[in-house]
N, C-alpha and C. Protein backbone atom coordinates (compact mmCIF):
# COMPACT_ATOMS: atom_id res chain seq x y z
N MET A 1 82.71 29.05 42.68
CA MET A 1 84.14 29.60 42.06
C MET A 1 84.14 30.18 41.00
N ASN A 2 83.28 30.15 40.16
CA ASN A 2 82.92 30.57 38.47
C ASN A 2 82.77 32.30 38.90
N TRP A 3 82.39 32.43 40.31
CA TRP A 3 82.30 34.10 40.48
C TRP A 3 83.43 34.72 40.98
N LEU A 4 84.45 33.81 41.10
CA LEU A 4 85.85 34.76 41.60
C LEU A 4 86.60 35.04 40.23
N LYS A 5 86.34 34.03 39.15
CA LYS A 5 86.82 34.00 37.83
C LYS A 5 86.22 35.61 37.44
N ALA A 6 85.07 35.54 37.43
CA ALA A 6 84.06 36.62 36.73
C ALA A 6 84.50 37.88 37.41
N ASN A 7 84.57 38.18 38.78
CA ASN A 7 84.54 39.10 39.60
C ASN A 7 86.08 39.24 39.91
N TRP A 8 87.21 38.96 39.73
CA TRP A 8 88.67 38.93 40.34
C TRP A 8 88.81 40.31 41.04
N LYS A 9 88.46 41.37 40.32
CA LYS A 9 88.74 42.46 40.58
C LYS A 9 88.33 42.77 41.96
N SER A 10 86.85 42.75 41.77
CA SER A 10 86.17 42.88 43.31
C SER A 10 86.90 42.08 44.23
N THR A 11 87.16 40.55 44.00
CA THR A 11 88.05 39.73 45.09
C THR A 11 88.93 40.46 45.66
N LEU A 12 89.85 41.14 44.52
CA LEU A 12 91.42 41.18 44.85
C LEU A 12 91.14 42.41 45.74
N LEU A 13 89.94 43.16 45.52
CA LEU A 13 90.03 44.44 46.33
C LEU A 13 89.61 44.18 47.91
N VAL A 14 88.52 42.99 47.82
CA VAL A 14 88.08 42.61 49.27
C VAL A 14 89.11 42.28 50.15
N MET A 15 90.01 41.21 49.29
CA MET A 15 91.17 40.74 50.23
C MET A 15 92.17 41.84 50.49
N SER A 16 92.37 43.02 49.36
CA SER A 16 93.39 44.09 50.09
C SER A 16 92.77 45.08 51.49
N LEU A 17 91.33 44.92 51.25
CA LEU A 17 90.62 45.70 52.33
C LEU A 17 91.00 44.76 53.77
N ALA A 18 90.51 43.76 53.69
CA ALA A 18 90.84 42.66 54.85
C ALA A 18 92.40 42.84 55.20
N ILE A 19 93.23 42.51 54.69
CA ILE A 19 94.68 42.76 54.84
C ILE A 19 95.11 44.17 55.39
N ASN A 20 94.55 45.17 54.78
CA ASN A 20 94.82 46.36 55.54
C ASN A 20 94.08 46.62 57.03
N LEU A 21 92.86 46.08 57.22
CA LEU A 21 92.35 46.18 58.03
C LEU A 21 93.04 45.38 59.17
N LEU A 22 93.43 44.34 58.47
CA LEU A 22 94.11 43.57 59.65
C LEU A 22 95.80 44.39 60.09
N VAL A 23 96.49 44.87 59.35
CA VAL A 23 97.61 45.63 59.60
C VAL A 23 97.10 46.65 60.63
N ILE A 24 95.82 47.34 60.19
CA ILE A 24 95.77 48.69 61.11
C ILE A 24 95.27 48.18 62.30
N GLY A 25 94.61 47.13 62.51
CA GLY A 25 94.27 46.32 63.74
C GLY A 25 95.40 46.16 64.68
N MET A 26 96.46 45.10 64.01
CA MET A 26 97.76 45.08 64.51
C MET A 26 98.44 46.20 65.36
N VAL A 27 98.43 47.59 64.70
CA VAL A 27 99.19 48.97 64.73
C VAL A 27 98.48 49.38 66.12
N VAL A 28 96.87 49.58 65.94
CA VAL A 28 96.49 49.94 67.03
C VAL A 28 96.42 48.85 68.42
N ALA A 29 96.10 47.54 67.98
CA ALA A 29 96.51 46.79 69.83
C ALA A 29 97.74 47.15 70.13
N HIS A 30 98.80 47.26 69.15
CA HIS A 30 100.23 47.38 69.49
C HIS A 30 100.11 48.58 70.53
N GLY A 31 99.45 49.74 70.45
CA GLY A 31 99.51 51.19 70.92
C GLY A 31 98.96 50.54 72.11
N PHE A 32 97.94 49.68 72.22
CA PHE A 32 97.17 49.78 73.79
C PHE A 32 97.62 48.91 74.38
N MET A 33 98.72 47.90 74.01
CA MET A 33 99.43 47.06 74.99
C MET A 33 100.51 47.60 75.86
N GLU A 34 100.31 46.87 77.07
CA GLU A 34 101.16 47.69 78.14
C GLU A 34 102.66 47.16 77.82
N LYS A 35 103.47 48.06 78.19
CA LYS A 35 104.98 47.78 77.74
C LYS A 35 105.47 47.13 78.47
N ARG A 36 106.43 45.98 78.35
CA ARG A 36 107.10 45.07 79.15
C ARG A 36 108.56 45.55 79.36
N GLY A 37 109.17 45.00 80.09
CA GLY A 37 110.77 45.20 80.22
C GLY A 37 110.99 46.24 81.12
N PRO A 38 112.37 46.22 81.54
CA PRO A 38 112.47 47.30 82.72
C PRO A 38 112.47 48.38 82.52
N GLY A 39 112.43 49.10 81.03
CA GLY A 39 112.11 50.52 80.94
C GLY A 39 113.55 51.14 81.30
N ARG A 40 113.62 52.41 81.51
CA ARG A 40 114.70 53.09 81.78
C ARG A 40 115.15 52.89 83.31
N ILE A 41 116.54 52.81 83.65
CA ILE A 41 117.01 52.95 85.37
C ILE A 41 117.02 54.04 85.36
N GLN A 42 116.71 54.36 86.38
CA GLN A 42 117.12 56.07 86.34
C GLN A 42 118.04 55.36 87.98
N ALA A 43 118.90 56.19 88.46
CA ALA A 43 119.57 56.16 89.57
C ALA A 43 119.66 57.51 90.01
N THR A 44 119.70 57.56 91.45
CA THR A 44 119.56 58.66 92.04
C THR A 44 120.93 59.54 92.07
N SER A 45 120.56 60.45 92.10
CA SER A 45 121.74 61.55 91.58
C SER A 45 121.62 62.93 91.91
N TRP A 46 122.50 63.67 91.95
CA TRP A 46 122.41 65.26 92.54
C TRP A 46 121.33 65.67 91.92
N SER A 47 120.97 65.57 90.39
CA SER A 47 120.51 66.07 89.20
C SER A 47 118.82 66.11 89.94
N GLN A 48 118.52 65.18 90.89
CA GLN A 48 117.25 65.29 91.33
C GLN A 48 116.88 66.14 92.48
N LEU A 49 118.10 67.06 92.88
CA LEU A 49 118.12 67.98 93.53
C LEU A 49 118.39 68.96 93.06
N LEU A 50 118.77 69.18 91.98
CA LEU A 50 118.80 70.61 90.86
C LEU A 50 118.03 70.01 89.48
N PRO A 51 116.87 70.03 89.43
CA PRO A 51 116.31 69.46 88.18
C PRO A 51 116.15 70.29 86.79
N ARG A 52 116.38 69.81 85.86
CA ARG A 52 116.56 70.75 84.63
C ARG A 52 115.33 72.13 84.60
N GLY A 53 114.08 71.51 85.03
CA GLY A 53 113.15 72.13 84.79
C GLY A 53 113.46 73.44 85.44
N PHE A 54 114.19 73.70 86.50
CA PHE A 54 114.32 74.83 87.31
C PHE A 54 115.18 75.58 86.73
N PHE A 55 116.24 75.35 86.45
CA PHE A 55 117.00 76.11 85.54
C PHE A 55 116.67 76.78 84.30
N MET A 56 115.67 75.80 83.46
CA MET A 56 114.82 76.75 82.53
C MET A 56 114.01 77.99 83.10
N GLN A 57 113.50 78.12 84.29
CA GLN A 57 112.78 78.77 84.94
C GLN A 57 113.43 80.13 85.08
N LEU A 58 114.71 80.29 85.30
CA LEU A 58 115.56 81.56 85.50
C LEU A 58 115.61 82.24 84.27
N GLU A 59 116.24 83.44 84.84
CA GLU A 59 116.71 84.35 83.61
C GLU A 59 118.00 84.44 83.17
N ASP A 60 118.46 84.26 82.11
CA ASP A 60 119.58 83.61 81.33
C ASP A 60 120.91 84.04 82.06
N ASP A 61 121.09 85.20 82.50
CA ASP A 61 122.56 85.69 83.16
C ASP A 61 122.64 85.11 84.63
N ARG A 62 121.37 84.54 85.30
CA ARG A 62 121.23 83.71 86.86
C ARG A 62 121.22 82.51 86.23
N ARG A 63 120.90 81.58 85.20
CA ARG A 63 121.15 80.16 85.06
C ARG A 63 122.56 80.17 84.88
N GLN A 64 123.28 80.98 84.07
CA GLN A 64 124.44 80.68 83.53
C GLN A 64 125.65 80.87 84.98
N ALA A 65 124.82 81.77 85.47
CA ALA A 65 126.13 81.96 86.54
C ALA A 65 125.90 80.62 87.74
N LEU A 66 124.80 80.02 87.42
CA LEU A 66 124.86 78.70 88.38
C LEU A 66 125.24 77.31 87.72
N LEU A 67 125.15 77.54 86.65
CA LEU A 67 125.29 76.35 85.68
C LEU A 67 126.94 76.08 85.74
N ASP A 68 127.70 77.60 85.85
CA ASP A 68 128.92 77.88 85.89
C ASP A 68 129.39 76.98 87.02
N GLU A 69 128.89 77.00 88.11
CA GLU A 69 129.07 76.30 89.48
C GLU A 69 129.08 74.92 89.14
N LEU A 70 127.98 74.50 88.60
CA LEU A 70 128.26 73.21 88.30
C LEU A 70 128.80 72.57 87.51
N LYS A 71 129.27 73.39 86.45
CA LYS A 71 130.40 72.95 85.58
C LYS A 71 132.00 73.16 86.18
N ALA A 72 131.85 73.73 87.37
CA ALA A 72 133.42 73.83 88.09
C ALA A 72 133.64 72.08 87.88
N HIS A 73 132.38 71.37 88.44
CA HIS A 73 132.81 70.15 89.30
C HIS A 73 132.58 68.98 87.96
N ASN A 74 132.51 69.45 86.72
CA ASN A 74 132.21 68.20 85.87
C ASN A 74 133.41 67.30 85.85
N SER A 75 134.68 67.67 85.78
CA SER A 75 135.81 66.84 85.65
C SER A 75 135.72 65.83 87.12
N ASN A 76 135.81 66.60 88.17
CA ASN A 76 135.29 65.41 89.26
C ASN A 76 134.30 64.47 89.19
N PHE A 77 133.27 64.82 88.33
CA PHE A 77 131.77 63.79 88.24
C PHE A 77 132.13 62.74 87.07
N ARG A 78 133.15 63.50 86.37
CA ARG A 78 133.40 62.60 84.96
C ARG A 78 134.35 61.60 85.76
N LYS A 79 135.58 61.97 86.35
CA LYS A 79 136.39 60.95 86.89
C LYS A 79 135.66 59.96 87.93
N GLY A 80 134.55 60.42 88.43
CA GLY A 80 134.14 59.26 89.51
C GLY A 80 133.08 58.36 88.55
N ARG A 81 132.47 58.67 87.51
CA ARG A 81 131.56 58.25 86.95
C ARG A 81 132.30 56.93 86.40
N GLY A 82 133.70 57.28 85.89
CA GLY A 82 134.79 56.34 85.25
C GLY A 82 135.14 55.58 86.32
N GLU A 83 135.55 55.70 87.16
CA GLU A 83 135.75 55.05 88.16
C GLU A 83 134.58 54.11 88.65
N LEU A 84 133.40 54.35 88.84
CA LEU A 84 132.21 53.91 89.03
C LEU A 84 132.23 52.83 87.54
N ARG A 85 132.40 52.86 86.74
CA ARG A 85 132.36 52.05 85.42
C ARG A 85 133.35 50.75 85.64
N ASN A 86 134.82 51.35 86.12
CA ASN A 86 135.83 50.22 86.51
C ASN A 86 135.52 49.48 87.80
N ARG A 87 134.48 50.06 88.68
CA ARG A 87 134.01 49.16 89.97
C ARG A 87 132.99 48.10 89.29
N ALA A 88 132.19 48.65 88.48
CA ALA A 88 131.11 47.64 88.01
C ALA A 88 132.04 46.24 86.82
N ALA A 89 133.00 46.99 86.21
CA ALA A 89 133.73 46.10 85.76
C ALA A 89 134.38 45.05 86.80
N ALA A 90 134.85 45.52 87.69
CA ALA A 90 135.38 44.51 88.89
C ALA A 90 134.11 43.43 89.60
N VAL A 91 133.27 43.93 89.66
CA VAL A 91 132.12 43.11 89.80
C VAL A 91 131.79 42.11 88.81
N ALA A 92 131.93 42.45 87.81
CA ALA A 92 132.00 41.46 86.49
C ALA A 92 132.93 40.37 86.46
N ALA A 93 133.98 40.87 86.26
CA ALA A 93 135.19 40.02 87.09
C ALA A 93 134.86 39.21 87.80
N ALA A 94 134.66 39.70 88.83
CA ALA A 94 134.16 38.55 90.44
C ALA A 94 133.37 37.60 90.00
N LEU A 95 132.15 38.05 89.28
CA LEU A 95 130.88 36.99 88.34
C LEU A 95 131.91 35.81 87.96
N GLU A 96 132.61 36.01 86.99
CA GLU A 96 133.39 35.40 85.92
C GLU A 96 134.29 34.33 86.59
N ALA A 97 135.01 34.78 87.79
CA ALA A 97 136.09 34.21 88.32
C ALA A 97 135.38 32.54 88.74
N GLU A 98 136.41 31.77 88.33
CA GLU A 98 136.29 30.47 88.51
C GLU A 98 137.46 29.97 89.40
N PRO A 99 137.44 29.32 90.48
CA PRO A 99 136.17 29.56 91.32
C PRO A 99 135.59 30.50 91.69
N TYR A 100 134.34 30.36 91.77
CA TYR A 100 133.51 31.72 92.53
C TYR A 100 134.19 32.03 93.97
N ASP A 101 134.65 33.25 94.21
CA ASP A 101 135.29 33.98 95.31
C ASP A 101 134.29 34.66 95.69
N ALA A 102 133.55 34.19 96.84
CA ALA A 102 132.80 34.99 97.52
C ALA A 102 133.51 36.46 98.24
N THR A 103 134.39 36.25 98.96
CA THR A 103 135.32 37.21 99.37
C THR A 103 135.45 38.38 97.93
N LEU A 104 136.26 37.57 96.98
CA LEU A 104 136.08 38.69 95.85
C LEU A 104 135.14 39.51 95.72
N MET A 105 133.97 38.84 95.47
CA MET A 105 132.83 39.45 95.13
C MET A 105 132.34 40.32 96.38
N ALA A 106 132.49 39.89 97.71
CA ALA A 106 132.23 41.14 98.65
C ALA A 106 133.03 42.63 98.31
N VAL A 107 133.95 42.38 98.22
CA VAL A 107 135.19 43.58 98.04
C VAL A 107 134.54 44.52 96.97
N ALA A 108 134.48 43.34 95.95
CA ALA A 108 134.06 44.15 94.45
C ALA A 108 132.98 44.79 94.84
N ILE A 109 131.78 44.34 95.16
CA ILE A 109 130.45 44.96 95.80
C ILE A 109 130.74 45.99 96.83
N THR A 110 131.32 46.02 97.62
CA THR A 110 131.68 47.17 98.59
C THR A 110 132.28 48.32 98.15
N GLN A 111 133.58 47.95 96.97
CA GLN A 111 134.10 49.24 96.36
C GLN A 111 133.09 49.70 95.68
N PHE A 112 132.47 49.06 94.67
CA PHE A 112 131.08 49.71 94.06
C PHE A 112 130.49 50.82 94.87
N GLY A 113 129.96 50.23 95.75
CA GLY A 113 129.13 50.86 96.71
C GLY A 113 129.76 52.17 97.11
N ASP A 114 130.83 52.18 97.79
CA ASP A 114 131.69 53.10 98.51
C ASP A 114 132.04 54.25 97.35
N GLU A 115 132.24 53.63 96.31
CA GLU A 115 132.44 54.72 94.90
C GLU A 115 130.98 55.73 94.79
N GLY A 116 130.06 54.78 94.76
CA GLY A 116 128.62 55.58 94.53
C GLY A 116 128.34 56.20 95.64
N LYS A 117 128.62 55.82 96.92
CA LYS A 117 128.28 56.92 97.88
C LYS A 117 129.22 58.10 98.08
N ARG A 118 130.39 57.98 97.42
CA ARG A 118 131.36 59.38 97.06
C ARG A 118 130.94 60.11 96.59
N LEU A 119 130.34 59.60 95.24
CA LEU A 119 129.76 60.37 94.23
C LEU A 119 128.58 61.20 94.79
N MET A 120 127.80 60.68 95.55
CA MET A 120 126.48 61.12 95.68
C MET A 120 127.09 62.07 96.83
N ASP A 121 127.87 61.82 97.76
CA ASP A 121 128.30 63.04 98.49
C ASP A 121 128.87 63.82 98.13
N GLU A 122 129.57 63.84 96.71
CA GLU A 122 130.20 65.06 96.28
C GLU A 122 128.84 65.87 95.62
N GLY A 123 128.24 65.10 95.06
CA GLY A 123 127.32 65.94 94.54
C GLY A 123 125.96 66.70 95.08
N SER A 124 126.13 65.76 96.39
CA SER A 124 125.16 66.56 97.66
C SER A 124 125.82 68.03 97.93
N ALA A 125 127.00 67.90 98.08
CA ALA A 125 127.84 69.04 98.48
C ALA A 125 127.89 70.25 97.65
N VAL A 126 127.71 69.61 96.28
CA VAL A 126 127.76 70.92 95.32
C VAL A 126 126.28 71.13 95.13
N ALA A 127 125.20 70.46 95.32
CA ALA A 127 123.94 71.00 95.04
C ALA A 127 123.47 71.91 96.40
N LEU A 128 124.06 71.49 97.38
CA LEU A 128 124.02 72.30 98.97
C LEU A 128 124.79 73.87 98.58
N GLY A 129 125.53 73.70 97.87
CA GLY A 129 126.54 74.98 97.88
C GLY A 129 125.64 75.92 96.41
N VAL A 130 125.31 75.32 95.49
CA VAL A 130 123.99 75.71 94.68
C VAL A 130 122.93 76.60 95.28
N ILE A 131 122.39 75.79 96.30
CA ILE A 131 121.16 75.70 96.78
C ILE A 131 121.28 77.24 97.39
N GLY A 132 122.69 77.49 98.46
CA GLY A 132 122.85 77.99 99.50
C GLY A 132 123.20 79.76 99.00
N LYS A 133 123.18 79.89 97.34
CA LYS A 133 123.20 80.91 96.55
C LYS A 133 122.12 81.43 96.00
N LEU A 134 120.99 80.59 96.26
CA LEU A 134 119.28 80.61 95.53
C LEU A 134 118.93 81.90 96.55
N THR A 135 118.02 82.67 95.95
CA THR A 135 117.31 83.68 96.30
C THR A 135 115.82 82.81 96.92
N PRO A 136 115.26 83.51 98.26
CA PRO A 136 114.00 82.77 98.62
C PRO A 136 113.07 82.74 97.33
N GLU A 137 112.89 83.35 96.29
CA GLU A 137 111.78 83.13 95.07
C GLU A 137 112.30 82.02 94.55
N GLU A 138 113.49 81.83 94.23
CA GLU A 138 114.22 80.60 93.60
C GLU A 138 114.07 79.73 94.36
N ARG A 139 114.15 79.15 95.68
CA ARG A 139 113.93 78.42 96.39
C ARG A 139 112.67 77.51 96.14
N LYS A 140 111.53 78.50 96.19
CA LYS A 140 110.06 78.27 95.88
C LYS A 140 109.90 77.35 94.43
N ILE A 141 110.99 78.04 93.52
CA ILE A 141 110.57 77.51 92.36
C ILE A 141 111.60 76.06 92.39
N LEU A 142 112.50 76.07 92.86
CA LEU A 142 113.14 74.80 92.92
C LEU A 142 112.64 73.91 93.70
N ALA A 143 111.89 74.28 94.95
CA ALA A 143 111.02 72.75 95.43
C ALA A 143 109.70 72.46 94.84
N ALA A 144 109.23 73.39 94.11
CA ALA A 144 108.01 72.86 93.02
C ALA A 144 108.37 71.92 92.08
N GLU A 145 109.90 72.16 91.83
CA GLU A 145 110.63 71.67 90.48
C GLU A 145 110.73 69.82 91.11
N ILE A 146 111.32 70.38 92.13
CA ILE A 146 111.82 68.67 92.72
C ILE A 146 110.37 68.10 93.48
N ARG A 147 108.99 68.69 93.47
CA ARG A 147 108.30 68.01 94.13
C ARG A 147 107.65 67.56 92.28
N LYS A 148 107.35 68.17 91.53
CA LYS A 148 107.36 67.68 90.11
C LYS A 148 107.97 66.65 89.67
N ARG A 149 109.59 66.71 89.72
CA ARG A 149 110.12 65.58 89.25
C ARG A 149 109.71 64.20 90.48
N ALA A 150 109.70 64.33 91.63
CA ALA A 150 109.43 63.40 92.49
C ALA A 150 108.19 62.68 92.19
N GLY A 151 106.95 63.58 91.81
CA GLY A 151 105.96 63.00 91.66
C GLY A 151 105.00 63.35 92.95
N GLY A 152 105.62 64.14 94.15
CA GLY A 152 104.90 64.14 95.13
C GLY A 152 103.81 65.34 95.10
N PRO A 153 103.31 65.67 96.66
CA PRO A 153 102.50 66.88 96.68
C PRO A 153 102.84 68.34 95.80
N GLY A 154 101.95 68.55 95.13
CA GLY A 154 101.87 69.79 94.22
C GLY A 154 102.75 69.45 93.09
N LYS A 155 102.59 67.93 92.66
CA LYS A 155 102.86 67.73 91.06
C LYS A 155 102.12 68.24 90.20
N GLN A 156 102.68 69.28 89.52
CA GLN A 156 101.77 70.07 88.55
C GLN A 156 101.50 69.16 87.04
């Protein structure tokens, strides 16, 4: 114990080093730990058929022309997403209903699914319209981007 009093600076340095090493170890361990939780939930959408990477490979004027076509449908998509949120709220209300009403829940879920299908159908039609205007070379670029996004054969 006497050596602690005599070498208090050395003892303090060793303790500081130990604490620093402990903190560094915790940071490194955190980096190696597997991430838990659901992560980002990604829904299926028409944007999987027309990924952003595809548009980035086009010339500016061509990109703008195709994006203008997509933007022409923005208000419909916005309304549809709003309606989908309303349908989700109806599902939440049915979940909270006392007493629980299975029929009300079934109707809410069916309406949510119907709205989602309607949005997907509209998005698919828009994507098909854009794809119909592509050149053969642009279609090849789009195919590569879709594969890349989907993680299938030809993924870069």
